[in-house]
Amino acid sequence: MALASHAAAAVVAFLFAASGPVAIVLSVGARGGLAEADIASWIFAAFVLNSAISAGFSLVYRQPLVFLWSIPGSVLVGPALGHLSFAEVIGAFLATGVLMLLLGLSGWVRRAMEALPMPIVMAMVAGVFLRFGVDLVLAFRDALWIALPMTLAFVACHFAKRIPPLIAALVVGAIAIGLLGAFNAPAGTLFALAAPNFYVPRFSWAAMVELVVPLAVTVLAVQNAQGIAILTSNGHKPPVDAITMACGVGSIVTGFFGAVSTCLTGPVNAVLSGSGEKHRQYIGALVFCFFCLVFGLLAPFFTRVLLATPPAFIATLAGLAMLRVLQTAFAASFGGRFSFGALVCFLVTVADVPILHIGAPFWGLVFGLLVLLTLERDNRPQRN
């Protein structure tokens, strides 16, 4: 039963990772004029190479430590491809990796993470993950007869405790899709193996100035901060410096194959660390890595299948998995000290307005800390 729960979490985490984030890569690549082979190579590296890093870390540290790619980093790269060559962008990927590796070796990132108040960080997490809860509600509007039976199955198995609730929701959702004929099978050949490209980077000052620091910020202060905060709140002790170094090495290796910077993923680690026995949650990470390996090798096939699945199915499954995560994030943010700073951080994050090409979650942390330092100074612990 415990192993089934971890496997169920891995399935849900994989479905999330292989749906929306992949769609962002496809969209960015298409708008940036990348060839199909370039996009396929990006997806291959993002899944296959990062899953190797994830499996190694999860085994060594016996906790879910899944690395994928920076979603805000992908969005950041989109406009750059309009005036920079792909080789220049890849050069920026490699430079970002070197910068993160040096920061990890220095130990500065760990000290900065320890100095961040948990309510502010969790408010940023709540702001980022809020859309999963909203999408769950919207799924009832868009596809009632898919979202409703999935939710009922989830609730029923939550009380019955015989079948993992997420597995029940997944199975019932698949049955509903079949009965409704909602699976739009694509025409043409489905199966194809990925053929990754190896790129020679080009280093230009224009790409360095525009991309390196923003990419590093999105990985360290946005993506990694989420993942570390979530794992910590669920009782784990993620190795911050080792994670930073892994992101640096991963960004360099995957960059040679055209993938954006490696990061510690928030949503996936939230799902994996949110169910089952804590000391066995790394098993879910290993199952997840296996799915990623297969997906990366068969990226064209799985991409077409997922595009044919109703969006409400993924939205409902991800939303159900994130409910407890949202509850924990809100409780940690507004249940004690620094609640006003946490509120400002939450609102800025939810507004999702980038400043200076840097995503809103980072600015949520900045403004939340500013409020803490100016308006909530009396709430800070006193030194003896």
Protein backbone atom coordinates (compact mmCIF):
# COMPACT_ATOMS: atom_id res chain seq x y z
CA MET A 1 0.00 0.00 0.00
CA ALA A 2 2.82 2.43 0.92
CA LEU A 3 4.72 1.68 -2.28
CA ALA A 4 1.53 2.14 -4.30
CA SER A 5 1.08 5.57 -2.72
CA HIS A 6 4.58 6.63 -3.75
CA ALA A 7 4.04 5.25 -7.26
CA ALA A 8 0.76 7.17 -7.50
CA ALA A 9 2.51 10.38 -6.49
CA ALA A 10 5.19 9.71 -9.13
CA VAL A 11 2.53 9.27 -11.83
CA VAL A 12 0.83 12.54 -10.93
CA ALA A 13 4.13 14.41 -10.72
CA PHE A 14 5.15 13.03 -14.10
CA LEU A 15 1.85 13.97 -15.72
CA PHE A 16 2.34 17.52 -14.51
CA ALA A 17 5.96 17.71 -15.67
CA ALA A 18 5.15 16.25 -19.09
CA SER A 19 2.15 18.48 -19.82
CA GLY A 20 2.18 22.22 -19.09
CA PRO A 21 5.96 22.69 -18.85
CA VAL A 22 6.49 20.79 -22.11
CA ALA A 23 3.85 22.94 -23.79
CA ILE A 24 5.83 26.03 -22.71
CA VAL A 25 8.99 24.63 -24.30
CA LEU A 26 7.10 23.88 -27.52
CA SER A 27 5.63 27.39 -27.58
CA VAL A 28 8.93 29.14 -26.84
CA GLY A 29 10.75 27.08 -29.45
CA ALA A 30 8.15 27.73 -32.11
CA ARG A 31 8.07 31.50 -31.47
CA GLY A 32 11.86 31.60 -31.39
CA GLY A 33 12.16 29.92 -34.78
CA LEU A 34 13.77 26.73 -33.51
CA ALA A 35 13.62 23.66 -35.73
CA GLU A 36 11.75 20.56 -34.63
CA ALA A 37 15.08 18.81 -34.06
CA ASP A 38 16.19 21.64 -31.73
CA ILE A 39 13.01 21.39 -29.66
CA ALA A 40 13.25 17.59 -29.49
CA SER A 41 16.86 17.84 -28.33
CA TRP A 42 15.83 20.37 -25.65
CA ILE A 43 13.12 18.06 -24.32
CA PHE A 44 15.42 15.02 -24.44
CA ALA A 45 18.11 16.74 -22.35
CA ALA A 46 15.60 18.29 -19.95
CA PHE A 47 14.11 14.90 -19.10
CA VAL A 48 16.81 12.26 -19.62
CA LEU A 49 19.90 14.06 -18.34
CA ASN A 50 18.16 15.80 -15.45
CA SER A 51 16.50 12.54 -14.39
CA ALA A 52 19.97 10.97 -14.08
CA ILE A 53 21.00 13.76 -11.69
CA SER A 54 17.71 13.40 -9.80
CA ALA A 55 18.07 9.64 -9.36
CA GLY A 56 21.61 10.01 -8.06
CA PHE A 57 20.72 12.70 -5.53
CA SER A 58 17.56 10.91 -4.35
CA LEU A 59 19.52 7.72 -3.74
CA VAL A 60 22.42 9.41 -1.94
CA TYR A 61 20.29 11.63 0.31
CA ARG A 62 17.29 9.25 0.66
CA GLN A 63 14.77 12.02 -0.03
CA PRO A 64 12.95 13.22 -3.14
CA LEU A 65 15.35 15.59 -4.92
CA VAL A 66 14.07 16.00 -8.47
CA PHE A 67 15.80 18.34 -10.90
CA LEU A 68 14.17 19.44 -14.14
CA TRP A 69 14.37 22.73 -16.01
CA SER A 70 13.48 26.30 -15.15
CA ILE A 71 9.98 27.13 -16.42
CA PRO A 72 10.39 30.91 -15.91
CA GLY A 73 13.81 30.54 -17.49
CA SER A 74 12.16 29.05 -20.57
CA VAL A 75 9.78 32.01 -20.73
CA LEU A 76 12.73 34.37 -20.32
CA VAL A 77 14.55 32.78 -23.27
CA GLY A 78 11.59 33.30 -25.63
CA PRO A 79 12.12 37.03 -26.36
CA ALA A 80 15.90 36.56 -26.48
CA LEU A 81 15.58 34.12 -29.38
CA GLY A 82 14.07 36.97 -31.39
CA HIS A 83 17.41 38.79 -31.61
CA LEU A 84 20.01 36.26 -30.45
CA SER A 85 21.11 33.08 -32.20
CA PHE A 86 20.43 29.75 -30.51
CA ALA A 87 24.21 29.27 -30.18
CA GLU A 88 24.44 32.57 -28.23
CA VAL A 89 21.58 31.53 -25.96
CA ILE A 90 23.30 28.20 -25.32
CA GLY A 91 26.46 30.11 -24.43
CA ALA A 92 24.40 31.95 -21.80
CA PHE A 93 23.10 28.60 -20.50
CA LEU A 94 26.67 27.40 -19.97
CA ALA A 95 27.79 30.66 -18.33
CA THR A 96 24.80 30.49 -15.98
CA GLY A 97 25.80 26.96 -15.05
CA VAL A 98 29.36 28.04 -14.23
CA LEU A 99 28.04 30.92 -12.09
CA MET A 100 25.74 28.63 -10.10
CA LEU A 101 28.49 26.05 -9.63
CA LEU A 102 30.78 28.72 -8.15
CA LEU A 103 28.01 30.01 -5.88
CA GLY A 104 27.35 26.48 -4.65
CA LEU A 105 31.02 25.93 -3.89
CA SER A 106 31.19 29.22 -1.99
CA GLY A 107 28.35 28.30 0.40
CA TRP A 108 26.70 31.72 -0.03
CA VAL A 109 23.42 30.28 -1.27
CA ARG A 110 22.95 28.09 1.80
CA ARG A 111 23.57 31.05 4.13
CA ALA A 112 21.15 33.21 2.15
CA MET A 113 18.46 30.50 2.31
CA GLU A 114 18.92 30.12 6.07
CA ALA A 115 18.48 33.89 6.50
CA LEU A 116 15.14 33.97 4.63
CA PRO A 117 12.13 33.87 7.02
CA MET A 118 10.04 30.78 6.28
CA PRO A 119 6.66 32.63 6.26
CA ILE A 120 7.87 34.88 3.44
CA VAL A 121 9.23 31.97 1.39
CA MET A 122 6.08 29.88 1.90
CA ALA A 123 3.93 32.87 0.88
CA MET A 124 5.83 32.91 -2.41
CA VAL A 125 5.22 29.16 -2.73
CA ALA A 126 1.50 29.67 -2.02
CA GLY A 127 1.34 32.39 -4.68
CA VAL A 128 2.98 30.21 -7.31
CA PHE A 129 0.88 27.13 -6.53
CA LEU A 130 -2.42 28.97 -6.16
CA ARG A 131 -3.13 28.54 -9.86
CA PHE A 132 -3.26 24.76 -9.40
CA GLY A 133 -6.16 25.14 -6.99
CA VAL A 134 -7.86 27.66 -9.27
CA ASP A 135 -7.37 25.38 -12.29
CA LEU A 136 -9.00 22.55 -10.34
CA VAL A 137 -12.11 24.68 -9.84
CA LEU A 138 -12.10 25.83 -13.47
CA ALA A 139 -11.91 22.20 -14.60
CA PHE A 140 -15.44 21.72 -13.25
CA ARG A 141 -16.58 24.52 -15.52
CA ASP A 142 -14.70 23.30 -18.58
CA ALA A 143 -15.23 19.53 -18.28
CA LEU A 144 -17.64 18.71 -15.45
CA TRP A 145 -18.00 15.01 -16.31
CA ILE A 146 -14.25 14.52 -16.13
CA ALA A 147 -13.45 16.65 -13.06
CA LEU A 148 -16.45 15.57 -10.97
CA PRO A 149 -15.97 11.76 -11.05
CA MET A 150 -12.23 12.19 -10.50
CA THR A 151 -12.82 14.33 -7.43
CA LEU A 152 -15.49 12.00 -6.05
CA ALA A 153 -13.16 9.03 -6.47
CA PHE A 154 -10.39 10.95 -4.72
CA VAL A 155 -12.63 11.82 -1.76
CA ALA A 156 -14.08 8.30 -1.51
CA CYS A 157 -10.66 6.62 -1.44
CA HIS A 158 -9.40 9.20 1.02
CA PHE A 159 -11.94 7.88 3.53
CA ALA A 160 -11.83 4.20 2.47
CA LYS A 161 -8.00 4.06 2.63
CA ARG A 162 -7.86 0.97 0.41
CA ILE A 163 -6.66 2.53 -2.83
CA PRO A 164 -4.38 5.59 -3.05
CA PRO A 165 -6.71 8.52 -3.81
CA LEU A 166 -4.59 9.86 -6.66
CA ILE A 167 -4.50 6.46 -8.36
CA ALA A 168 -8.29 6.27 -8.10
CA ALA A 169 -8.67 9.74 -9.58
CA LEU A 170 -6.28 8.85 -12.41
CA VAL A 171 -8.11 5.63 -13.31
CA VAL A 172 -11.58 7.16 -13.08
CA GLY A 173 -10.44 10.10 -15.17
CA ALA A 174 -9.09 7.82 -17.88
CA ILE A 175 -12.37 5.88 -17.91
CA ALA A 176 -14.35 9.12 -18.15
CA ILE A 177 -12.24 10.29 -21.09
CA GLY A 178 -12.83 6.97 -22.85
CA LEU A 179 -16.59 6.99 -22.26
CA LEU A 180 -16.91 10.58 -23.41
CA GLY A 181 -14.71 10.04 -26.45
CA ALA A 182 -12.66 13.05 -25.36
CA PHE A 183 -9.29 11.67 -26.46
CA ASN A 184 -8.44 13.30 -29.79
CA ALA A 185 -5.94 10.87 -31.27
CA PRO A 186 -3.52 12.71 -33.57
CA ALA A 187 -3.12 11.65 -37.17
CA GLY A 188 0.13 10.25 -38.52
CA THR A 189 2.93 8.22 -36.96
CA LEU A 190 2.99 8.29 -33.18
CA PHE A 191 6.22 6.46 -32.29
CA ALA A 192 9.60 8.06 -32.82
CA LEU A 193 12.87 8.07 -30.90
CA ALA A 194 14.48 11.35 -29.90
CA ALA A 195 17.72 12.25 -31.67
CA PRO A 196 19.54 14.82 -29.50
CA ASN A 197 21.87 17.41 -31.04
CA PHE A 198 25.20 18.52 -29.60
CA TYR A 199 25.68 22.28 -29.99
CA VAL A 200 28.80 24.43 -30.15
CA PRO A 201 28.07 27.47 -27.97
CA ARG A 202 28.81 31.05 -28.92
CA PHE A 203 29.65 33.49 -26.15
CA SER A 204 28.53 37.07 -26.72
CA TRP A 205 28.29 40.03 -24.35
CA ALA A 206 24.72 40.69 -25.46
CA ALA A 207 23.58 37.23 -24.37
CA MET A 208 25.63 37.35 -21.16
CA VAL A 209 24.15 40.68 -20.03
CA GLU A 210 20.58 39.80 -20.99
CA LEU A 211 20.34 36.21 -19.78
CA VAL A 212 22.97 35.02 -17.30
CA VAL A 213 21.99 36.89 -14.11
CA PRO A 214 18.20 36.63 -14.70
CA LEU A 215 18.51 32.91 -15.41
CA ALA A 216 20.56 32.38 -12.24
CA VAL A 217 18.03 34.37 -10.22
CA THR A 218 15.07 32.40 -11.55
CA VAL A 219 16.80 29.12 -10.66
CA LEU A 220 18.19 30.01 -7.23
CA ALA A 221 15.71 32.54 -5.82
CA VAL A 222 12.53 31.30 -7.49
CA GLN A 223 12.64 27.61 -8.43
CA ASN A 224 15.16 26.26 -5.90
CA ALA A 225 13.69 28.38 -3.11
CA GLN A 226 10.30 26.77 -3.73
CA GLY A 227 11.65 23.23 -3.79
CA ILE A 228 13.82 23.69 -0.71
CA ALA A 229 11.01 25.35 1.26
CA ILE A 230 8.55 22.58 0.37
CA LEU A 231 10.93 19.76 1.23
CA THR A 232 11.86 21.47 4.51
CA SER A 233 8.21 21.98 5.47
CA ASN A 234 7.62 18.25 4.86
CA GLY A 235 10.38 17.24 7.25
CA HIS A 236 13.35 16.80 4.91
CA LYS A 237 16.76 18.49 5.06
CA PRO A 238 17.69 19.31 1.46
CA PRO A 239 21.44 19.95 0.96
CA VAL A 240 21.33 23.53 -0.34
CA ASP A 241 24.95 23.87 -1.46
CA ALA A 242 24.99 20.46 -3.17
CA ILE A 243 21.69 21.31 -4.90
CA THR A 244 23.15 24.58 -6.17
CA MET A 245 26.24 22.81 -7.50
CA ALA A 246 24.06 20.16 -9.16
CA CYS A 247 22.06 22.90 -10.88
CA GLY A 248 25.31 24.39 -12.14
CA VAL A 249 26.66 21.11 -13.48
CA GLY A 250 23.25 20.15 -14.88
CA SER A 251 22.91 23.49 -16.67
CA ILE A 252 26.29 23.02 -18.32
CA VAL A 253 25.66 19.43 -19.42
CA THR A 254 22.07 19.93 -20.64
CA GLY A 255 23.01 23.27 -22.20
CA PHE A 256 25.26 21.51 -24.70
CA PHE A 257 22.11 19.73 -25.94
CA GLY A 258 20.02 22.90 -26.09
CA ALA A 259 18.09 22.76 -22.77
CA VAL A 260 17.49 25.71 -20.47
CA SER A 261 19.03 25.83 -16.97
CA THR A 262 18.55 22.95 -14.52
CA CYS A 263 16.70 23.65 -11.27
CA LEU A 264 15.22 21.87 -8.24
CA THR A 265 11.56 21.64 -9.18
CA GLY A 266 8.89 22.86 -6.76
CA PRO A 267 5.62 21.20 -7.90
CA VAL A 268 7.13 17.76 -8.54
CA ASN A 269 8.93 17.61 -5.20
CA ALA A 270 5.78 18.88 -3.51
CA VAL A 271 3.76 15.98 -4.89
CA LEU A 272 6.45 13.40 -4.10
CA SER A 273 7.01 14.62 -0.53
CA GLY A 274 3.33 15.09 0.23
CA SER A 275 2.25 11.46 0.60
CA GLY A 276 3.43 8.18 2.07
CA GLU A 277 6.13 7.51 4.63
CA LYS A 278 8.81 10.19 4.68
CA HIS A 279 11.76 7.79 4.70
CA ARG A 280 10.42 6.07 1.56
CA GLN A 281 9.44 9.11 -0.47
CA TYR A 282 12.67 8.91 -2.44
CA ILE A 283 11.21 5.75 -4.05
CA GLY A 284 8.58 7.92 -5.72
CA ALA A 285 11.39 10.12 -7.04
CA LEU A 286 13.10 7.07 -8.57
CA VAL A 287 9.84 5.97 -10.22
CA PHE A 288 9.42 9.51 -11.51
CA CYS A 289 12.94 9.45 -12.97
CA PHE A 290 12.16 6.22 -14.82
CA PHE A 291 9.08 7.83 -16.40
CA CYS A 292 11.20 10.86 -17.38
CA LEU A 293 13.81 8.62 -18.98
CA VAL A 294 11.17 6.90 -21.11
CA PHE A 295 9.50 10.22 -21.95
CA GLY A 296 12.79 11.77 -23.03
CA LEU A 297 13.63 8.84 -25.28
CA LEU A 298 10.12 8.88 -26.81
CA ALA A 299 9.52 12.62 -26.58
CA PRO A 300 7.69 12.97 -29.93
CA PHE A 301 5.22 10.19 -29.07
CA PHE A 302 4.39 11.31 -25.54
CA THR A 303 4.09 14.95 -26.55
CA ARG A 304 1.46 14.14 -29.16
CA VAL A 305 -0.47 11.90 -26.75
CA LEU A 306 -0.54 14.53 -24.02
CA LEU A 307 -1.71 17.20 -26.43
CA ALA A 308 -4.65 14.91 -27.28
CA THR A 309 -5.67 14.58 -23.59
CA PRO A 310 -8.30 17.05 -22.32
CA PRO A 311 -6.60 19.82 -20.29
CA ALA A 312 -9.19 19.37 -17.53
CA PHE A 313 -7.83 15.87 -16.82
CA ILE A 314 -4.33 17.16 -16.02
CA ALA A 315 -5.71 20.21 -14.21
CA THR A 316 -7.92 18.09 -11.94
CA LEU A 317 -5.20 15.57 -11.16
CA ALA A 318 -2.60 18.23 -10.39
CA GLY A 319 -5.07 20.30 -8.39
CA LEU A 320 -6.08 17.37 -6.18
CA ALA A 321 -2.42 16.58 -5.56
CA MET A 322 -1.67 20.21 -4.63
CA LEU A 323 -4.51 20.79 -2.15
CA ARG A 324 -2.51 19.68 0.89
CA VAL A 325 0.55 21.58 -0.37
CA LEU A 326 -1.50 24.77 -0.61
CA GLN A 327 -2.95 24.21 2.84
CA THR A 328 0.53 23.79 4.33
CA ALA A 329 1.85 26.86 2.50
CA PHE A 330 -0.99 29.09 3.68
CA ALA A 331 -0.72 27.85 7.27
CA ALA A 332 3.04 28.47 7.33
CA SER A 333 2.64 31.91 5.75
CA PHE A 334 -0.21 33.44 7.74
CA GLY A 335 -0.33 31.41 10.95
CA GLY A 336 2.26 33.37 12.95
CA ARG A 337 4.82 36.16 12.69
CA PHE A 338 5.52 38.20 9.54
CA SER A 339 1.98 37.72 8.23
CA PHE A 340 1.85 41.21 6.66
CA GLY A 341 5.13 40.71 4.81
CA ALA A 342 3.86 37.28 3.76
CA LEU A 343 0.66 38.88 2.44
CA VAL A 344 2.61 41.37 0.31
CA CYS A 345 4.83 38.58 -1.00
CA PHE A 346 1.77 36.50 -1.84
CA LEU A 347 0.01 39.34 -3.69
CA VAL A 348 3.07 40.29 -5.73
CA THR A 349 3.63 36.65 -6.68
CA VAL A 350 0.00 36.10 -7.67
CA ALA A 351 0.00 39.30 -9.77
CA ASP A 352 2.69 37.62 -11.91
CA VAL A 353 4.17 40.84 -13.33
CA PRO A 354 7.86 40.44 -14.28
CA ILE A 355 10.22 43.36 -13.61
CA LEU A 356 13.54 43.72 -15.46
CA HIS A 357 12.87 40.35 -17.12
CA ILE A 358 12.80 38.67 -13.68
CA GLY A 359 9.70 36.73 -12.65
CA ALA A 360 7.18 37.86 -10.03
CA PRO A 361 8.07 35.16 -7.41
CA PHE A 362 11.51 36.75 -6.96
CA TRP A 363 9.99 40.20 -6.54
CA GLY A 364 7.46 38.75 -4.14
CA LEU A 365 10.36 37.73 -1.90
CA VAL A 366 12.00 41.15 -2.30
CA PHE A 367 8.91 43.18 -1.41
CA GLY A 368 7.91 40.79 1.36
CA LEU A 369 11.33 41.19 2.96
CA LEU A 370 11.18 44.97 2.57
CA VAL A 371 7.85 45.02 4.42
CA LEU A 372 9.31 42.76 7.11
CA LEU A 373 12.33 45.04 7.60
CA THR A 374 10.31 48.27 7.66
CA LEU A 375 6.81 47.59 8.98
CA GLU A 376 7.29 44.37 10.96
CA ARG A 377 10.56 45.07 12.73
CA ASP A 378 8.91 44.54 16.11
CA ASN A 379 8.03 40.96 15.10
CA ARG A 380 11.62 39.96 14.53
CA PRO A 381 13.23 37.87 17.28
CA GLN A 382 15.37 39.87 19.71
CA ARG A 383 19.03 38.99 20.22
CA ASN A 384 20.27 38.53 23.76
